[in-house]
Amino acid sequence: MKASEIREMSRDELMQKEKALVEELFNFKFQHAMGQLDNTMRIRQVKRELARVKTIFNELSKG
């Protein structure tokens, strides 16, 4: 998801997206530890998307 798409979301949507990404990241880390994860690049993608969401949410909170 691009930053421009994230900026169009409301605060509630951002909070829900953040919660979903944290849960998804936890699940991927767990699968990776158990040796069941096929696409390990997805962990990196989720981390970056989570960082984008948090950054934009902080920008909205300050502004």
PDB file of N, CA and C in Angstrom:
ATOM      1  N   MET A   1       0.848  -1.172   0.000  1.00  0.00           N
ATOM      2  CA  MET A   1       0.000   0.000   0.000  1.00  0.00           C
ATOM      3  C   MET A   1       0.895   1.237   0.000  1.00  0.00           C
ATOM      4  N   LYS A   2       0.568   2.177  -0.837  1.00  0.00           N
ATOM      5  CA  LYS A   2       1.365   3.383  -0.959  1.00  0.00           C
ATOM      6  C   LYS A   2       0.982   4.402   0.114  1.00  0.00           C
ATOM      7  N   ALA A   3       1.900   5.314   0.387  1.00  0.00           N
ATOM      8  CA  ALA A   3       1.668   6.330   1.409  1.00  0.00           C
ATOM      9  C   ALA A   3       0.487   7.226   1.027  1.00  0.00           C
ATOM     10  N   SER A   4       0.307   7.488  -0.249  1.00  0.00           N
ATOM     11  CA  SER A   4      -0.801   8.337  -0.681  1.00  0.00           C
ATOM     12  C   SER A   4      -2.144   7.672  -0.383  1.00  0.00           C
ATOM     13  N   GLU A   5      -2.199   6.354  -0.504  1.00  0.00           N
ATOM     14  CA  GLU A   5      -3.427   5.624  -0.176  1.00  0.00           C
ATOM     15  C   GLU A   5      -3.690   5.657   1.326  1.00  0.00           C
ATOM     16  N   ILE A   6      -2.620   5.582   2.099  1.00  0.00           N
ATOM     17  CA  ILE A   6      -2.767   5.598   3.556  1.00  0.00           C
ATOM     18  C   ILE A   6      -3.218   6.978   4.035  1.00  0.00           C
ATOM     19  N   ARG A   7      -2.720   8.028   3.391  1.00  0.00           N
ATOM     20  CA  ARG A   7      -3.093   9.395   3.791  1.00  0.00           C
ATOM     21  C   ARG A   7      -4.583   9.683   3.574  1.00  0.00           C
ATOM     22  N   GLU A   8      -5.207   8.964   2.671  1.00  0.00           N
ATOM     23  CA  GLU A   8      -6.625   9.161   2.392  1.00  0.00           C
ATOM     24  C   GLU A   8      -7.519   8.511   3.447  1.00  0.00           C
ATOM     25  N   MET A   9      -6.949   7.681   4.316  1.00  0.00           N
ATOM     26  CA  MET A   9      -7.732   6.965   5.322  1.00  0.00           C
ATOM     27  C   MET A   9      -8.035   7.873   6.522  1.00  0.00           C
ATOM     28  N   SER A  10      -9.132   7.558   7.208  1.00  0.00           N
ATOM     29  CA  SER A  10      -9.470   8.305   8.419  1.00  0.00           C
ATOM     30  C   SER A  10      -8.664   7.751   9.589  1.00  0.00           C
ATOM     31  N   ARG A  11      -8.758   8.421  10.742  1.00  0.00           N
ATOM     32  CA  ARG A  11      -8.013   7.971  11.923  1.00  0.00           C
ATOM     33  C   ARG A  11      -8.467   6.584  12.369  1.00  0.00           C
ATOM     34  N   ASP A  12      -9.767   6.353  12.329  1.00  0.00           N
ATOM     35  CA  ASP A  12     -10.284   5.046  12.737  1.00  0.00           C
ATOM     36  C   ASP A  12      -9.782   3.947  11.811  1.00  0.00           C
ATOM     37  N   GLU A  13      -9.768   4.228  10.522  1.00  0.00           N
ATOM     38  CA  GLU A  13      -9.274   3.253   9.553  1.00  0.00           C
ATOM     39  C   GLU A  13      -7.784   2.985   9.768  1.00  0.00           C
ATOM     40  N   LEU A  14      -7.027   4.049  10.097  1.00  0.00           N
ATOM     41  CA  LEU A  14      -5.602   3.880  10.357  1.00  0.00           C
ATOM     42  C   LEU A  14      -5.369   3.014  11.588  1.00  0.00           C
ATOM     43  N   MET A  15      -6.159   3.219  12.618  1.00  0.00           N
ATOM     44  CA  MET A  15      -6.018   2.420  13.831  1.00  0.00           C
ATOM     45  C   MET A  15      -6.337   0.960  13.557  1.00  0.00           C
ATOM     46  N   GLN A  16      -7.383   0.709  12.772  1.00  0.00           N
ATOM     47  CA  GLN A  16      -7.741  -0.661  12.419  1.00  0.00           C
ATOM     48  C   GLN A  16      -6.659  -1.302  11.560  1.00  0.00           C
ATOM     49  N   LYS A  17      -6.116  -0.539  10.619  1.00  0.00           N
ATOM     50  CA  LYS A  17      -5.058  -1.044   9.740  1.00  0.00           C
ATOM     51  C   LYS A  17      -3.812  -1.387  10.563  1.00  0.00           C
ATOM     52  N   GLU A  18      -3.474  -0.516  11.509  1.00  0.00           N
ATOM     53  CA  GLU A  18      -2.312  -0.759  12.356  1.00  0.00           C
ATOM     54  C   GLU A  18      -2.499  -2.035  13.181  1.00  0.00           C
ATOM     55  N   LYS A  19      -3.679  -2.190  13.752  1.00  0.00           N
ATOM     56  CA  LYS A  19      -3.972  -3.372  14.555  1.00  0.00           C
ATOM     57  C   LYS A  19      -3.878  -4.638  13.709  1.00  0.00           C
ATOM     58  N   ALA A  20      -4.407  -4.574  12.485  1.00  0.00           N
ATOM     59  CA  ALA A  20      -4.372  -5.736  11.592  1.00  0.00           C
ATOM     60  C   ALA A  20      -2.935  -6.074  11.185  1.00  0.00           C
ATOM     61  N   LEU A  21      -2.122  -5.052  10.934  1.00  0.00           N
ATOM     62  CA  LEU A  21      -0.736  -5.288  10.527  1.00  0.00           C
ATOM     63  C   LEU A  21       0.087  -5.875  11.666  1.00  0.00           C
ATOM     64  N   VAL A  22      -0.148  -5.411  12.887  1.00  0.00           N
ATOM     65  CA  VAL A  22       0.570  -5.954  14.041  1.00  0.00           C
ATOM     66  C   VAL A  22       0.226  -7.429  14.218  1.00  0.00           C
ATOM     67  N   GLU A  23      -1.045  -7.747  14.065  1.00  0.00           N
ATOM     68  CA  GLU A  23      -1.469  -9.144  14.185  1.00  0.00           C
ATOM     69  C   GLU A  23      -0.871 -10.004  13.063  1.00  0.00           C
ATOM     70  N   GLU A  24      -0.875  -9.462  11.857  1.00  0.00           N
ATOM     71  CA  GLU A  24      -0.314 -10.195  10.716  1.00  0.00           C
ATOM     72  C   GLU A  24       1.187 -10.426  10.899  1.00  0.00           C
ATOM     73  N   LEU A  25       1.895  -9.406  11.396  1.00  0.00           N
ATOM     74  CA  LEU A  25       3.328  -9.525  11.632  1.00  0.00           C
ATOM     75  C   LEU A  25       3.611 -10.584  12.691  1.00  0.00           C
ATOM     76  N   PHE A  26       2.819 -10.591  13.758  1.00  0.00           N
ATOM     77  CA  PHE A  26       2.976 -11.605  14.799  1.00  0.00           C
ATOM     78  C   PHE A  26       2.809 -13.004  14.218  1.00  0.00           C
ATOM     79  N   ASN A  27       1.777 -13.180  13.409  1.00  0.00           N
ATOM     80  CA  ASN A  27       1.518 -14.484  12.808  1.00  0.00           C
ATOM     81  C   ASN A  27       2.661 -14.918  11.878  1.00  0.00           C
ATOM     82  N   PHE A  28       3.190 -13.980  11.099  1.00  0.00           N
ATOM     83  CA  PHE A  28       4.295 -14.300  10.205  1.00  0.00           C
ATOM     84  C   PHE A  28       5.549 -14.672  10.987  1.00  0.00           C
ATOM     85  N   LYS A  29       5.830 -13.933  12.064  1.00  0.00           N
ATOM     86  CA  LYS A  29       6.996 -14.243  12.886  1.00  0.00           C
ATOM     87  C   LYS A  29       6.852 -15.624  13.517  1.00  0.00           C
ATOM     88  N   PHE A  30       5.660 -15.943  13.952  1.00  0.00           N
ATOM     89  CA  PHE A  30       5.402 -17.246  14.557  1.00  0.00           C
ATOM     90  C   PHE A  30       5.590 -18.358  13.521  1.00  0.00           C
ATOM     91  N   GLN A  31       5.036 -18.150  12.330  1.00  0.00           N
ATOM     92  CA  GLN A  31       5.188 -19.139  11.265  1.00  0.00           C
ATOM     93  C   GLN A  31       6.655 -19.307  10.877  1.00  0.00           C
ATOM     94  N   HIS A  32       7.388 -18.189  10.852  1.00  0.00           N
ATOM     95  CA  HIS A  32       8.801 -18.237  10.494  1.00  0.00           C
ATOM     96  C   HIS A  32       9.583 -19.042  11.536  1.00  0.00           C
ATOM     97  N   ALA A  33       9.273 -18.841  12.799  1.00  0.00           N
ATOM     98  CA  ALA A  33       9.954 -19.561  13.868  1.00  0.00           C
ATOM     99  C   ALA A  33       9.654 -21.056  13.806  1.00  0.00           C
ATOM    100  N   MET A  34       8.458 -21.404  13.366  1.00  0.00           N
ATOM    101  CA  MET A  34       8.074 -22.805  13.267  1.00  0.00           C
ATOM    102  C   MET A  34       8.524 -23.439  11.952  1.00  0.00           C
ATOM    103  N   GLY A  35       9.078 -22.621  11.059  1.00  0.00           N
ATOM    104  CA  GLY A  35       9.564 -23.137   9.780  1.00  0.00           C
ATOM    105  C   GLY A  35       8.462 -23.366   8.768  1.00  0.00           C
ATOM    106  N   GLN A  36       7.325 -22.723   8.935  1.00  0.00           N
ATOM    107  CA  GLN A  36       6.190 -22.921   8.042  1.00  0.00           C
ATOM    108  C   GLN A  36       5.985 -21.778   7.049  1.00  0.00           C
ATOM    109  N   LEU A  37       6.763 -20.720   7.157  1.00  0.00           N
ATOM    110  CA  LEU A  37       6.575 -19.552   6.297  1.00  0.00           C
ATOM    111  C   LEU A  37       7.310 -19.757   4.977  1.00  0.00           C
ATOM    112  N   ASP A  38       6.567 -19.625   3.877  1.00  0.00           N
ATOM    113  CA  ASP A  38       7.162 -19.810   2.553  1.00  0.00           C
ATOM    114  C   ASP A  38       7.809 -18.530   2.039  1.00  0.00           C
ATOM    115  N   ASN A  39       7.127 -17.406   2.191  1.00  0.00           N
ATOM    116  CA  ASN A  39       7.602 -16.141   1.655  1.00  0.00           C
ATOM    117  C   ASN A  39       8.096 -15.264   2.807  1.00  0.00           C
ATOM    118  N   THR A  40       9.390 -15.312   3.075  1.00  0.00           N
ATOM    119  CA  THR A  40       9.936 -14.536   4.188  1.00  0.00           C
ATOM    120  C   THR A  40      10.013 -13.039   3.877  1.00  0.00           C
ATOM    121  N   MET A  41       9.943 -12.670   2.615  1.00  0.00           N
ATOM    122  CA  MET A  41       9.946 -11.246   2.253  1.00  0.00           C
ATOM    123  C   MET A  41       8.697 -10.538   2.747  1.00  0.00           C
ATOM    124  N   ARG A  42       7.645 -11.284   2.959  1.00  0.00           N
ATOM    125  CA  ARG A  42       6.389 -10.676   3.402  1.00  0.00           C
ATOM    126  C   ARG A  42       6.541 -10.043   4.783  1.00  0.00           C
ATOM    127  N   ILE A  43       7.422 -10.588   5.626  1.00  0.00           N
ATOM    128  CA  ILE A  43       7.670  -9.989   6.944  1.00  0.00           C
ATOM    129  C   ILE A  43       8.210  -8.579   6.768  1.00  0.00           C
ATOM    130  N   ARG A  44       9.159  -8.421   5.873  1.00  0.00           N
ATOM    131  CA  ARG A  44       9.755  -7.103   5.622  1.00  0.00           C
ATOM    132  C   ARG A  44       8.712  -6.120   5.073  1.00  0.00           C
ATOM    133  N   GLN A  45       7.873  -6.598   4.170  1.00  0.00           N
ATOM    134  CA  GLN A  45       6.837  -5.746   3.592  1.00  0.00           C
ATOM    135  C   GLN A  45       5.850  -5.279   4.657  1.00  0.00           C
ATOM    136  N   VAL A  46       5.461  -6.182   5.540  1.00  0.00           N
ATOM    137  CA  VAL A  46       4.504  -5.830   6.589  1.00  0.00           C
ATOM    138  C   VAL A  46       5.126  -4.827   7.562  1.00  0.00           C
ATOM    139  N   LYS A  47       6.399  -5.023   7.899  1.00  0.00           N
ATOM    140  CA  LYS A  47       7.083  -4.088   8.795  1.00  0.00           C
ATOM    141  C   LYS A  47       7.111  -2.679   8.197  1.00  0.00           C
ATOM    142  N   ARG A  48       7.409  -2.596   6.915  1.00  0.00           N
ATOM    143  CA  ARG A  48       7.479  -1.289   6.264  1.00  0.00           C
ATOM    144  C   ARG A  48       6.102  -0.629   6.172  1.00  0.00           C
ATOM    145  N   GLU A  49       5.095  -1.434   5.863  1.00  0.00           N
ATOM    146  CA  GLU A  49       3.746  -0.888   5.783  1.00  0.00           C
ATOM    147  C   GLU A  49       3.278  -0.410   7.149  1.00  0.00           C
ATOM    148  N   LEU A  50       3.615  -1.156   8.194  1.00  0.00           N
ATOM    149  CA  LEU A  50       3.272  -0.755   9.551  1.00  0.00           C
ATOM    150  C   LEU A  50       3.967   0.557   9.912  1.00  0.00           C
ATOM    151  N   ALA A  51       5.209   0.703   9.525  1.00  0.00           N
ATOM    152  CA  ALA A  51       5.945   1.943   9.784  1.00  0.00           C
ATOM    153  C   ALA A  51       5.301   3.117   9.054  1.00  0.00           C
ATOM    154  N   ARG A  52       4.850   2.896   7.823  1.00  0.00           N
ATOM    155  CA  ARG A  52       4.172   3.961   7.076  1.00  0.00           C
ATOM    156  C   ARG A  52       2.888   4.394   7.782  1.00  0.00           C
ATOM    157  N   VAL A  53       2.115   3.417   8.224  1.00  0.00           N
ATOM    158  CA  VAL A  53       0.852   3.724   8.891  1.00  0.00           C
ATOM    159  C   VAL A  53       1.114   4.501  10.181  1.00  0.00           C
ATOM    160  N   LYS A  54       2.092   4.064  10.964  1.00  0.00           N
ATOM    161  CA  LYS A  54       2.404   4.746  12.223  1.00  0.00           C
ATOM    162  C   LYS A  54       2.907   6.164  11.974  1.00  0.00           C
ATOM    163  N   THR A  55       3.743   6.339  10.956  1.00  0.00           N
ATOM    164  CA  THR A  55       4.272   7.660  10.628  1.00  0.00           C
ATOM    165  C   THR A  55       3.154   8.616  10.239  1.00  0.00           C
ATOM    166  N   ILE A  56       2.266   8.183   9.390  1.00  0.00           N
ATOM    167  CA  ILE A  56       1.178   9.039   8.931  1.00  0.00           C
ATOM    168  C   ILE A  56       0.205   9.317  10.073  1.00  0.00           C
ATOM    169  N   PHE A  57      -0.036   8.321  10.919  1.00  0.00           N
ATOM    170  CA  PHE A  57      -0.910   8.544  12.074  1.00  0.00           C
ATOM    171  C   PHE A  57      -0.307   9.583  13.011  1.00  0.00           C
ATOM    172  N   ASN A  58       1.001   9.528  13.224  1.00  0.00           N
ATOM    173  CA  ASN A  58       1.676  10.535  14.068  1.00  0.00           C
ATOM    174  C   ASN A  58       1.613  11.912  13.430  1.00  0.00           C
ATOM    175  N   GLU A  59       1.736  11.987  12.119  1.00  0.00           N
ATOM    176  CA  GLU A  59       1.625  13.273  11.425  1.00  0.00           C
ATOM    177  C   GLU A  59       0.241  13.873  11.638  1.00  0.00           C
ATOM    178  N   LEU A  60      -0.799  13.041  11.550  1.00  0.00           N
ATOM    179  CA  LEU A  60      -2.160  13.518  11.765  1.00  0.00           C
ATOM    180  C   LEU A  60      -2.381  13.953  13.206  1.00  0.00           C
ATOM    181  N   SER A  61      -1.772  13.264  14.142  1.00  0.00           N
ATOM    182  CA  SER A  61      -1.939  13.586  15.562  1.00  0.00           C
ATOM    183  C   SER A  61      -1.310  14.930  15.898  1.00  0.00           C
ATOM    184  N   LYS A  62      -0.193  15.248  15.278  1.00  0.00           N
ATOM    185  CA  LYS A  62       0.503  16.502  15.544  1.00  0.00           C
ATOM    186  C   LYS A  62      -0.178  17.685  14.861  1.00  0.00           C
ATOM    187  N   GLY A  63      -0.799  17.424  13.718  1.00  0.00           N
ATOM    188  CA  GLY A  63      -1.348  18.502  12.905  1.00  0.00           C
ATOM    189  C   GLY A  63      -2.715  18.872  13.204  1.00  0.00           C
TER     190      GLY A  63
END
